[in-house]
Amino acid sequence: MGKDSRIEWTHHTFNPWWGCVKVSAACDHCYAETWAKRLGEDLWGPHTARRFFSEAHWKEPIKWDKDAAQEKVRRRVFCASMADVFENRPDLVAERRRLLDLIGQTPNLDWLLLTKRIHLVRKQLPKGYDFPKNVWLGTTVENQTEARKRIKYLLEFSSPSVRFLSCEPLLSAVDLSEYLVRNDKGTRVDWVIVGGESGAGSRPMDPAWPVALQRQCAQAKVPFHFKQWGRWAPVEQAADVMTKNTPVRVFRQDGSEVSVAAIGKGKAGRILSGKHWDQFPRNTF
């Protein structure tokens, strides 16, 4: 948990618990599992225990809400960076209900609920429950297969203030065009976050993939946020920090070659097509 998050698209992070189960290719090199293991925590898998937290931990968002009210600003809270709020386990039912109650008690905070289990969200909510306006509901889309599988469930929800996608780690080209326009229910994807994978064993991202997504969003007038290149960056952006031992991968596109170099997240940065993309959806409050 953090009052001042290092994640570029949020102000705070809050975890109702730690631990999860891997469900798709985006989970292969899960940073949260890696971080937990560094701290000596064995929390991943269907049969391992989840880590729960103290009363003091649960009171922190109340303080953030009071601060936001006093400053007359809204703050974004990413929930949860070390878990999935909609994991289907009996021991999480009460904790999830406590989280929903907390969201209701903090109207000056926008809660970003990001899940790979978007198909389970409706079943995991209390009967008759609708998300309040300070919920932004999102799902992870790492490739076209997951886009087709998950986004249809996201667009079933009309009550969240924002419906968003996290295309991180982006593992293939993705066409979101059909989801960026309003459907017959009046819903669409309201915000797209894109990023490459970082850390050991990370898979490189073809530079054409985030560029294409930015253009799709621009055409549909949907806010676009480029979070990071990750470990791999385009060679032309990495030339100043590359050495003779820097690993390089080559993508082939229509007969042309595009190369990326493994220079690390910090050096790779966040510049896409010559600029930072820090667009956010318009606040509905």
C-alpha atoms as a PDB file:
ATOM      1  CA  MET A   1       0.000   0.000   0.000  1.00  0.00           C
ATOM      2  CA  GLY A   2       1.213   3.511  -0.664  1.00  0.00           C
ATOM      3  CA  LYS A   3      -0.059   7.016  -0.092  1.00  0.00           C
ATOM      4  CA  ASP A   4       2.119   8.264  -2.939  1.00  0.00           C
ATOM      5  CA  SER A   5       2.215   5.493  -5.521  1.00  0.00           C
ATOM      6  CA  ARG A   6       5.077   5.039  -7.969  1.00  0.00           C
ATOM      7  CA  ILE A   7       2.575   3.856 -10.579  1.00  0.00           C
ATOM      8  CA  GLU A   8       2.263   6.688 -13.096  1.00  0.00           C
ATOM      9  CA  TRP A   9      -1.525   6.611 -13.476  1.00  0.00           C
ATOM     10  CA  THR A  10      -2.601   6.631  -9.831  1.00  0.00           C
ATOM     11  CA  HIS A  11      -2.034   8.632  -6.647  1.00  0.00           C
ATOM     12  CA  HIS A  12      -2.403   5.828  -4.093  1.00  0.00           C
ATOM     13  CA  THR A  13      -2.424   2.035  -3.993  1.00  0.00           C
ATOM     14  CA  PHE A  14      -4.458  -0.068  -1.610  1.00  0.00           C
ATOM     15  CA  ASN A  15      -4.480  -3.840  -1.211  1.00  0.00           C
ATOM     16  CA  PRO A  16      -7.306  -5.510   0.735  1.00  0.00           C
ATOM     17  CA  TRP A  17      -5.121  -8.632   0.742  1.00  0.00           C
ATOM     18  CA  TRP A  18      -2.058 -10.105  -0.985  1.00  0.00           C
ATOM     19  CA  GLY A  19      -1.975 -13.216  -3.166  1.00  0.00           C
ATOM     20  CA  CYS A  20      -3.516 -14.553  -6.360  1.00  0.00           C
ATOM     21  CA  VAL A  21      -3.608 -17.317  -8.994  1.00  0.00           C
ATOM     22  CA  LYS A  22      -2.206 -16.909 -12.496  1.00  0.00           C
ATOM     23  CA  VAL A  23      -4.902 -17.016 -15.166  1.00  0.00           C
ATOM     24  CA  SER A  24      -3.392 -15.889 -18.507  1.00  0.00           C
ATOM     25  CA  ALA A  25      -0.212 -15.034 -20.406  1.00  0.00           C
ATOM     26  CA  ALA A  26      -0.033 -11.599 -18.801  1.00  0.00           C
ATOM     27  CA  CYS A  27       0.548 -13.351 -15.462  1.00  0.00           C
ATOM     28  CA  ASP A  28       3.582 -15.367 -16.569  1.00  0.00           C
ATOM     29  CA  HIS A  29       6.121 -12.977 -15.025  1.00  0.00           C
ATOM     30  CA  CYS A  30       3.882 -11.488 -12.341  1.00  0.00           C
ATOM     31  CA  TYR A  31       5.704  -8.633 -10.607  1.00  0.00           C
ATOM     32  CA  ALA A  32       3.463  -8.950  -7.549  1.00  0.00           C
ATOM     33  CA  GLU A  33       4.384 -12.594  -7.021  1.00  0.00           C
ATOM     34  CA  THR A  34       8.072 -11.743  -7.478  1.00  0.00           C
ATOM     35  CA  TRP A  35       7.816  -8.934  -4.929  1.00  0.00           C
ATOM     36  CA  ALA A  36       6.003 -11.124  -2.419  1.00  0.00           C
ATOM     37  CA  LYS A  37       8.663 -13.846  -2.732  1.00  0.00           C
ATOM     38  CA  ARG A  38      11.398 -11.286  -2.098  1.00  0.00           C
ATOM     39  CA  LEU A  39       9.675 -10.565   1.198  1.00  0.00           C
ATOM     40  CA  GLY A  40       9.494 -14.271   2.027  1.00  0.00           C
ATOM     41  CA  GLU A  41       5.755 -14.594   1.304  1.00  0.00           C
ATOM     42  CA  ASP A  42       4.373 -17.690  -0.452  1.00  0.00           C
ATOM     43  CA  LEU A  43       0.956 -16.397  -1.565  1.00  0.00           C
ATOM     44  CA  TRP A  44       0.418 -17.511  -5.154  1.00  0.00           C
ATOM     45  CA  GLY A  45      -1.641 -20.502  -6.183  1.00  0.00           C
ATOM     46  CA  PRO A  46      -5.118 -21.920  -5.523  1.00  0.00           C
ATOM     47  CA  HIS A  47      -4.217 -23.630  -2.257  1.00  0.00           C
ATOM     48  CA  THR A  48      -1.933 -21.092  -0.582  1.00  0.00           C
ATOM     49  CA  ALA A  49      -3.182 -18.719   2.106  1.00  0.00           C
ATOM     50  CA  ARG A  50      -3.782 -15.042   1.379  1.00  0.00           C
ATOM     51  CA  ARG A  51      -2.200 -12.343   3.507  1.00  0.00           C
ATOM     52  CA  PHE A  52      -4.683 -10.090   5.310  1.00  0.00           C
ATOM     53  CA  PHE A  53      -4.087  -6.779   7.057  1.00  0.00           C
ATOM     54  CA  SER A  54      -4.688  -4.820  10.247  1.00  0.00           C
ATOM     55  CA  GLU A  55      -7.284  -2.232  11.176  1.00  0.00           C
ATOM     56  CA  ALA A  56      -4.667   0.481  10.763  1.00  0.00           C
ATOM     57  CA  HIS A  57      -4.178  -0.573   7.146  1.00  0.00           C
ATOM     58  CA  TRP A  58      -7.902  -0.262   6.416  1.00  0.00           C
ATOM     59  CA  LYS A  59      -8.053   3.206   7.976  1.00  0.00           C
ATOM     60  CA  GLU A  60      -5.485   4.696   5.602  1.00  0.00           C
ATOM     61  CA  PRO A  61      -7.940   5.394   2.715  1.00  0.00           C
ATOM     62  CA  ILE A  62     -10.194   7.233   5.193  1.00  0.00           C
ATOM     63  CA  LYS A  63      -7.297   9.621   5.815  1.00  0.00           C
ATOM     64  CA  TRP A  64      -6.678  10.012   2.073  1.00  0.00           C
ATOM     65  CA  ASP A  65     -10.344  10.826   1.577  1.00  0.00           C
ATOM     66  CA  LYS A  66     -10.261  13.523   4.259  1.00  0.00           C
ATOM     67  CA  ASP A  67      -7.138  15.034   2.718  1.00  0.00           C
ATOM     68  CA  ALA A  68      -8.749  15.073  -0.738  1.00  0.00           C
ATOM     69  CA  ALA A  69     -11.882  16.720   0.668  1.00  0.00           C
ATOM     70  CA  GLN A  70      -9.849  19.409   2.417  1.00  0.00           C
ATOM     71  CA  GLU A  71      -7.812  20.088  -0.722  1.00  0.00           C
ATOM     72  CA  LYS A  72     -10.968  19.975  -2.887  1.00  0.00           C
ATOM     73  CA  VAL A  73      -9.383  17.525  -5.320  1.00  0.00           C
ATOM     74  CA  ARG A  74     -10.068  13.951  -6.342  1.00  0.00           C
ATOM     75  CA  ARG A  75      -7.425  11.259  -5.888  1.00  0.00           C
ATOM     76  CA  ARG A  76      -7.150   7.944  -7.721  1.00  0.00           C
ATOM     77  CA  VAL A  77      -6.614   4.713  -5.763  1.00  0.00           C
ATOM     78  CA  PHE A  78      -5.388   1.599  -7.593  1.00  0.00           C
ATOM     79  CA  CYS A  79      -6.869  -1.498  -5.975  1.00  0.00           C
ATOM     80  CA  ALA A  80      -5.212  -3.991  -5.881  1.00  0.00           C
ATOM     81  CA  SER A  81      -1.603  -4.139  -7.060  1.00  0.00           C
ATOM     82  CA  MET A  82      -0.840  -7.368  -5.157  1.00  0.00           C
ATOM     83  CA  ALA A  83      -4.082  -9.283  -5.712  1.00  0.00           C
ATOM     84  CA  ASP A  84      -7.246  -9.534  -7.800  1.00  0.00           C
ATOM     85  CA  VAL A  85     -10.320  -8.174  -6.028  1.00  0.00           C
ATOM     86  CA  PHE A  86     -12.568 -10.643  -7.881  1.00  0.00           C
ATOM     87  CA  GLU A  87     -10.653 -13.864  -7.272  1.00  0.00           C
ATOM     88  CA  ASN A  88     -13.203 -16.556  -6.458  1.00  0.00           C
ATOM     89  CA  ARG A  89     -12.387 -17.885  -2.964  1.00  0.00           C
ATOM     90  CA  PRO A  90     -14.657 -18.273   0.090  1.00  0.00           C
ATOM     91  CA  ASP A  91     -12.146 -16.575   2.395  1.00  0.00           C
ATOM     92  CA  LEU A  92     -12.266 -13.402   0.292  1.00  0.00           C
ATOM     93  CA  VAL A  93     -16.029 -12.805   0.399  1.00  0.00           C
ATOM     94  CA  ALA A  94     -16.040 -10.836   3.656  1.00  0.00           C
ATOM     95  CA  GLU A  95     -12.883  -8.916   2.750  1.00  0.00           C
ATOM     96  CA  ARG A  96     -14.343  -7.934  -0.614  1.00  0.00           C
ATOM     97  CA  ARG A  97     -17.538  -6.727   1.045  1.00  0.00           C
ATOM     98  CA  ARG A  98     -15.451  -4.709   3.466  1.00  0.00           C
ATOM     99  CA  LEU A  99     -13.679  -3.140   0.496  1.00  0.00           C
ATOM    100  CA  LEU A 100     -16.972  -2.187  -1.161  1.00  0.00           C
ATOM    101  CA  ASP A 101     -18.102  -0.589   2.093  1.00  0.00           C
ATOM    102  CA  LEU A 102     -14.818   1.333   2.275  1.00  0.00           C
ATOM    103  CA  ILE A 103     -15.299   2.613  -1.283  1.00  0.00           C
ATOM    104  CA  GLY A 104     -18.715   3.917  -0.256  1.00  0.00           C
ATOM    105  CA  GLN A 105     -17.161   5.690   2.752  1.00  0.00           C
ATOM    106  CA  THR A 106     -14.556   7.527   0.636  1.00  0.00           C
ATOM    107  CA  PRO A 107     -16.473   9.587  -1.964  1.00  0.00           C
ATOM    108  CA  ASN A 108     -13.509  11.872  -2.679  1.00  0.00           C
ATOM    109  CA  LEU A 109     -11.415   8.957  -3.948  1.00  0.00           C
ATOM    110  CA  ASP A 110     -11.782   7.312  -7.364  1.00  0.00           C
ATOM    111  CA  TRP A 111     -11.192   3.585  -6.905  1.00  0.00           C
ATOM    112  CA  LEU A 112      -9.615   1.806  -9.885  1.00  0.00           C
ATOM    113  CA  LEU A 113     -10.601  -1.862  -9.710  1.00  0.00           C
ATOM    114  CA  LEU A 114      -8.501  -3.749 -12.276  1.00  0.00           C
ATOM    115  CA  THR A 115      -9.188  -7.450 -12.789  1.00  0.00           C
ATOM    116  CA  LYS A 116      -8.394 -10.299 -15.148  1.00  0.00           C
ATOM    117  CA  ARG A 117     -11.558 -11.977 -13.869  1.00  0.00           C
ATOM    118  CA  ILE A 118     -14.023  -9.514 -15.352  1.00  0.00           C
ATOM    119  CA  HIS A 119     -16.392 -12.384 -16.203  1.00  0.00           C
ATOM    120  CA  LEU A 120     -16.780 -13.071 -12.465  1.00  0.00           C
ATOM    121  CA  VAL A 121     -17.449  -9.523 -11.282  1.00  0.00           C
ATOM    122  CA  ARG A 122     -21.246  -9.658 -11.417  1.00  0.00           C
ATOM    123  CA  LYS A 123     -21.300 -12.953  -9.498  1.00  0.00           C
ATOM    124  CA  GLN A 124     -18.919 -11.645  -6.831  1.00  0.00           C
ATOM    125  CA  LEU A 125     -20.927  -8.515  -6.043  1.00  0.00           C
ATOM    126  CA  PRO A 126     -23.614  -8.524  -3.330  1.00  0.00           C
ATOM    127  CA  LYS A 127     -27.144  -9.016  -4.622  1.00  0.00           C
ATOM    128  CA  GLY A 128     -28.595  -5.741  -5.886  1.00  0.00           C
ATOM    129  CA  TYR A 129     -25.268  -3.899  -5.618  1.00  0.00           C
ATOM    130  CA  ASP A 130     -24.353  -1.249  -8.215  1.00  0.00           C
ATOM    131  CA  PHE A 131     -20.957   0.368  -8.362  1.00  0.00           C
ATOM    132  CA  PRO A 132     -20.984   3.944  -7.046  1.00  0.00           C
ATOM    133  CA  LYS A 133     -19.710   6.757  -9.244  1.00  0.00           C
ATOM    134  CA  ASN A 134     -16.299   6.748  -7.597  1.00  0.00           C
ATOM    135  CA  VAL A 135     -15.486   3.313  -9.086  1.00  0.00           C
ATOM    136  CA  TRP A 136     -13.477   2.947 -12.288  1.00  0.00           C
ATOM    137  CA  LEU A 137     -13.724  -0.662 -13.465  1.00  0.00           C
ATOM    138  CA  GLY A 138     -10.994  -2.126 -15.655  1.00  0.00           C
ATOM    139  CA  THR A 139      -9.684  -5.334 -17.135  1.00  0.00           C
ATOM    140  CA  THR A 140      -6.316  -6.446 -18.464  1.00  0.00           C
ATOM    141  CA  VAL A 141      -5.976  -7.000 -22.213  1.00  0.00           C
ATOM    142  CA  GLU A 142      -2.564  -8.300 -23.257  1.00  0.00           C
ATOM    143  CA  ASN A 143      -3.471  -9.646 -26.703  1.00  0.00           C
ATOM    144  CA  GLN A 144      -6.364  -9.881 -29.148  1.00  0.00           C
ATOM    145  CA  THR A 145      -7.625 -13.154 -27.701  1.00  0.00           C
ATOM    146  CA  GLU A 146      -8.086 -11.618 -24.260  1.00  0.00           C
ATOM    147  CA  ALA A 147      -9.618  -8.495 -25.810  1.00  0.00           C
ATOM    148  CA  ARG A 148     -12.381 -10.585 -27.398  1.00  0.00           C
ATOM    149  CA  LYS A 149     -12.827 -12.644 -24.246  1.00  0.00           C
ATOM    150  CA  ARG A 150     -12.865  -9.928 -21.580  1.00  0.00           C
ATOM    151  CA  ILE A 151     -14.038  -6.584 -22.958  1.00  0.00           C
ATOM    152  CA  LYS A 152     -17.585  -7.775 -23.640  1.00  0.00           C
ATOM    153  CA  TYR A 153     -18.024  -8.367 -19.903  1.00  0.00           C
ATOM    154  CA  LEU A 154     -16.582  -4.956 -19.022  1.00  0.00           C
ATOM    155  CA  LEU A 155     -19.058  -3.230 -21.328  1.00  0.00           C
ATOM    156  CA  GLU A 156     -22.000  -4.891 -19.588  1.00  0.00           C
ATOM    157  CA  PHE A 157     -21.503  -2.455 -16.703  1.00  0.00           C
ATOM    158  CA  SER A 158     -23.082   0.979 -16.985  1.00  0.00           C
ATOM    159  CA  SER A 159     -22.689   2.047 -13.339  1.00  0.00           C
ATOM    160  CA  PRO A 160     -18.904   2.570 -13.031  1.00  0.00           C
ATOM    161  CA  SER A 161     -17.835   6.131 -13.743  1.00  0.00           C
ATOM    162  CA  VAL A 162     -15.093   4.853 -16.081  1.00  0.00           C
ATOM    163  CA  ARG A 163     -14.504   1.569 -17.903  1.00  0.00           C
ATOM    164  CA  PHE A 164     -10.820   1.134 -18.713  1.00  0.00           C
ATOM    165  CA  LEU A 165      -8.263  -1.278 -20.124  1.00  0.00           C
ATOM    166  CA  SER A 166      -4.740  -2.023 -18.990  1.00  0.00           C
ATOM    167  CA  CYS A 167      -2.828  -3.309 -22.012  1.00  0.00           C
ATOM    168  CA  GLU A 168       0.185  -4.190 -19.904  1.00  0.00           C
ATOM    169  CA  PRO A 169       2.166  -6.204 -20.547  1.00  0.00           C
ATOM    170  CA  LEU A 170       1.241  -5.716 -24.213  1.00  0.00           C
ATOM    171  CA  LEU A 171       2.185  -9.026 -25.850  1.00  0.00           C
ATOM    172  CA  SER A 172       0.812  -8.623 -29.369  1.00  0.00           C
ATOM    173  CA  ALA A 173      -0.909  -6.218 -31.715  1.00  0.00           C
ATOM    174  CA  VAL A 174      -4.444  -5.431 -30.530  1.00  0.00           C
ATOM    175  CA  ASP A 175      -7.306  -3.787 -32.410  1.00  0.00           C
ATOM    176  CA  LEU A 176      -9.669  -2.074 -29.966  1.00  0.00           C
ATOM    177  CA  SER A 177     -11.568  -0.016 -32.534  1.00  0.00           C
ATOM    178  CA  GLU A 178     -14.933  -1.695 -32.071  1.00  0.00           C
ATOM    179  CA  TYR A 179     -14.790  -1.216 -28.289  1.00  0.00           C
ATOM    180  CA  LEU A 180     -13.905   2.491 -28.377  1.00  0.00           C
ATOM    181  CA  VAL A 181     -17.296   3.518 -29.753  1.00  0.00           C
ATOM    182  CA  ARG A 182     -20.557   3.299 -27.837  1.00  0.00           C
ATOM    183  CA  ASN A 183     -22.518   0.079 -28.254  1.00  0.00           C
ATOM    184  CA  ASP A 184     -26.277  -0.400 -28.157  1.00  0.00           C
ATOM    185  CA  LYS A 185     -26.125  -0.213 -24.320  1.00  0.00           C
ATOM    186  CA  GLY A 186     -24.412   3.166 -24.495  1.00  0.00           C
ATOM    187  CA  THR A 187     -21.142   1.900 -23.046  1.00  0.00           C
ATOM    188  CA  ARG A 188     -17.615   1.896 -24.436  1.00  0.00           C
ATOM    189  CA  VAL A 189     -14.029   1.718 -23.240  1.00  0.00           C
ATOM    190  CA  ASP A 190     -13.351   5.145 -21.708  1.00  0.00           C
ATOM    191  CA  TRP A 191      -9.601   4.947 -21.147  1.00  0.00           C
ATOM    192  CA  VAL A 192      -6.664   2.835 -22.381  1.00  0.00           C
ATOM    193  CA  ILE A 193      -3.395   2.303 -20.491  1.00  0.00           C
ATOM    194  CA  VAL A 194      -0.519   0.675 -22.395  1.00  0.00           C
ATOM    195  CA  GLY A 195       2.853  -0.597 -21.234  1.00  0.00           C
ATOM    196  CA  GLY A 196       5.611  -3.077 -21.932  1.00  0.00           C
ATOM    197  CA  GLU A 197       6.857  -5.749 -19.569  1.00  0.00           C
ATOM    198  CA  SER A 198       9.717  -5.153 -17.147  1.00  0.00           C
ATOM    199  CA  GLY A 199      11.828  -7.361 -14.934  1.00  0.00           C
ATOM    200  CA  ALA A 200      13.690 -10.605 -15.470  1.00  0.00           C
ATOM    201  CA  GLY A 201      12.478 -12.693 -18.401  1.00  0.00           C
ATOM    202  CA  SER A 202      10.360  -9.848 -19.756  1.00  0.00           C
ATOM    203  CA  ARG A 203       8.997 -10.197 -23.262  1.00  0.00           C
ATOM    204  CA  PRO A 204       9.749  -7.385 -25.727  1.00  0.00           C
ATOM    205  CA  MET A 205       7.020  -5.202 -27.192  1.00  0.00           C
ATOM    206  CA  ASP A 206       7.011  -4.351 -30.888  1.00  0.00           C
ATOM    207  CA  PRO A 207       7.052  -0.505 -31.046  1.00  0.00           C
ATOM    208  CA  ALA A 208       4.284  -0.627 -33.655  1.00  0.00           C
ATOM    209  CA  TRP A 209       1.804  -2.103 -31.156  1.00  0.00           C
ATOM    210  CA  PRO A 210       1.498   0.874 -28.750  1.00  0.00           C
ATOM    211  CA  VAL A 211       1.651   3.333 -31.655  1.00  0.00           C
ATOM    212  CA  ALA A 212      -1.334   1.611 -33.260  1.00  0.00           C
ATOM    213  CA  LEU A 213      -3.308   1.729 -30.003  1.00  0.00           C
ATOM    214  CA  GLN A 214      -2.565   5.422 -29.542  1.00  0.00           C
ATOM    215  CA  ARG A 215      -3.884   6.122 -33.032  1.00  0.00           C
ATOM    216  CA  GLN A 216      -7.014   4.060 -32.431  1.00  0.00           C
ATOM    217  CA  CYS A 217      -7.700   6.037 -29.244  1.00  0.00           C
ATOM    218  CA  ALA A 218      -7.045   9.368 -30.947  1.00  0.00           C
ATOM    219  CA  GLN A 219      -9.461   8.540 -33.736  1.00  0.00           C
ATOM    220  CA  ALA A 220     -12.176   7.614 -31.227  1.00  0.00           C
ATOM    221  CA  LYS A 221     -11.283  10.512 -28.866  1.00  0.00           C
ATOM    222  CA  VAL A 222     -10.573   8.102 -26.018  1.00  0.00           C
ATOM    223  CA  PRO A 223      -7.859   9.136 -23.491  1.00  0.00           C
ATOM    224  CA  PHE A 224      -4.610   7.196 -23.892  1.00  0.00           C
ATOM    225  CA  HIS A 225      -1.894   6.701 -21.264  1.00  0.00           C
ATOM    226  CA  PHE A 226       1.502   5.222 -22.145  1.00  0.00           C
ATOM    227  CA  LYS A 227       2.912   3.923 -18.880  1.00  0.00           C
ATOM    228  CA  GLN A 228       6.287   2.516 -19.910  1.00  0.00           C
ATOM    229  CA  TRP A 229       8.370   0.686 -22.488  1.00  0.00           C
ATOM    230  CA  GLY A 230       9.450  -1.757 -19.814  1.00  0.00           C
ATOM    231  CA  ARG A 231      12.778  -3.520 -20.105  1.00  0.00           C
ATOM    232  CA  TRP A 232      12.869  -3.247 -23.914  1.00  0.00           C
ATOM    233  CA  ALA A 233      12.906   0.023 -25.857  1.00  0.00           C
ATOM    234  CA  PRO A 234      13.313   0.913 -29.552  1.00  0.00           C
ATOM    235  CA  VAL A 235      16.993   0.906 -30.502  1.00  0.00           C
ATOM    236  CA  GLU A 236      16.837   4.484 -31.769  1.00  0.00           C
ATOM    237  CA  GLN A 237      15.731   5.614 -28.292  1.00  0.00           C
ATOM    238  CA  ALA A 238      18.239   3.362 -26.522  1.00  0.00           C
ATOM    239  CA  ALA A 239      21.375   4.092 -28.556  1.00  0.00           C
ATOM    240  CA  ASP A 240      22.926   6.457 -26.002  1.00  0.00           C
ATOM    241  CA  VAL A 241      22.851   3.875 -23.198  1.00  0.00           C
ATOM    242  CA  MET A 242      23.497   0.675 -25.136  1.00  0.00           C
ATOM    243  CA  THR A 243      26.754  -1.276 -24.842  1.00  0.00           C
ATOM    244  CA  LYS A 244      28.162  -4.025 -27.016  1.00  0.00           C
ATOM    245  CA  ASN A 245      26.610  -6.555 -24.617  1.00  0.00           C
ATOM    246  CA  THR A 246      23.088  -5.102 -24.666  1.00  0.00           C
ATOM    247  CA  PRO A 247      20.603  -7.774 -25.827  1.00  0.00           C
ATOM    248  CA  VAL A 248      18.734  -6.820 -29.007  1.00  0.00           C
ATOM    249  CA  ARG A 249      15.600  -8.378 -30.536  1.00  0.00           C
ATOM    250  CA  VAL A 250      14.401  -7.844 -34.087  1.00  0.00           C
ATOM    251  CA  PHE A 251      10.757  -7.698 -35.214  1.00  0.00           C
ATOM    252  CA  ARG A 252       9.943  -8.054 -38.898  1.00  0.00           C
ATOM    253  CA  GLN A 253       7.110  -5.920 -40.264  1.00  0.00           C
ATOM    254  CA  ASP A 254       6.109  -6.065 -43.926  1.00  0.00           C
ATOM    255  CA  GLY A 255       9.668  -6.837 -44.914  1.00  0.00           C
ATOM    256  CA  SER A 256      11.213  -4.155 -42.675  1.00  0.00           C
ATOM    257  CA  GLU A 257      13.149  -4.731 -39.466  1.00  0.00           C
ATOM    258  CA  VAL A 258      12.399  -3.013 -36.147  1.00  0.00           C
ATOM    259  CA  SER A 259      14.873  -3.581 -33.314  1.00  0.00           C
ATOM    260  CA  VAL A 260      14.448  -3.225 -29.556  1.00  0.00           C
ATOM    261  CA  ALA A 261      17.139  -3.281 -26.874  1.00  0.00           C
ATOM    262  CA  ALA A 262      17.028  -4.501 -23.270  1.00  0.00           C
ATOM    263  CA  ILE A 263      18.176  -1.426 -21.347  1.00  0.00           C
ATOM    264  CA  GLY A 264      15.886  -1.648 -18.316  1.00  0.00           C
ATOM    265  CA  LYS A 265      12.713   0.149 -17.307  1.00  0.00           C
ATOM    266  CA  GLY A 266      14.397   3.234 -15.882  1.00  0.00           C
ATOM    267  CA  LYS A 267      16.477   3.966 -18.962  1.00  0.00           C
ATOM    268  CA  ALA A 268      13.773   2.956 -21.428  1.00  0.00           C
ATOM    269  CA  GLY A 269      11.418   5.635 -20.140  1.00  0.00           C
ATOM    270  CA  ARG A 270       7.923   6.529 -21.354  1.00  0.00           C
ATOM    271  CA  ILE A 271       8.355   8.479 -24.574  1.00  0.00           C
ATOM    272  CA  LEU A 272       6.195   7.214 -27.436  1.00  0.00           C
ATOM    273  CA  SER A 273       6.208   8.930 -30.844  1.00  0.00           C
ATOM    274  CA  GLY A 274       8.263  11.758 -29.409  1.00  0.00           C
ATOM    275  CA  LYS A 275       6.155  12.627 -26.353  1.00  0.00           C
ATOM    276  CA  HIS A 276       4.644  11.519 -23.053  1.00  0.00           C
ATOM    277  CA  TRP A 277       1.030  10.376 -23.195  1.00  0.00           C
ATOM    278  CA  ASP A 278      -0.604  11.196 -19.866  1.00  0.00           C
ATOM    279  CA  GLN A 279      -4.248  11.470 -20.849  1.00  0.00           C
ATOM    280  CA  PHE A 280      -6.986  10.700 -18.318  1.00  0.00           C
ATOM    281  CA  PRO A 281     -10.744  10.363 -18.630  1.00  0.00           C
ATOM    282  CA  ARG A 282     -12.826  13.393 -17.733  1.00  0.00           C
ATOM    283  CA  ASN A 283     -14.039  13.296 -14.162  1.00  0.00           C
ATOM    284  CA  THR A 284     -17.796  12.829 -13.998  1.00  0.00           C
ATOM    285  CA  PHE A 285     -18.185  14.487 -10.573  1.00  0.00           C
END
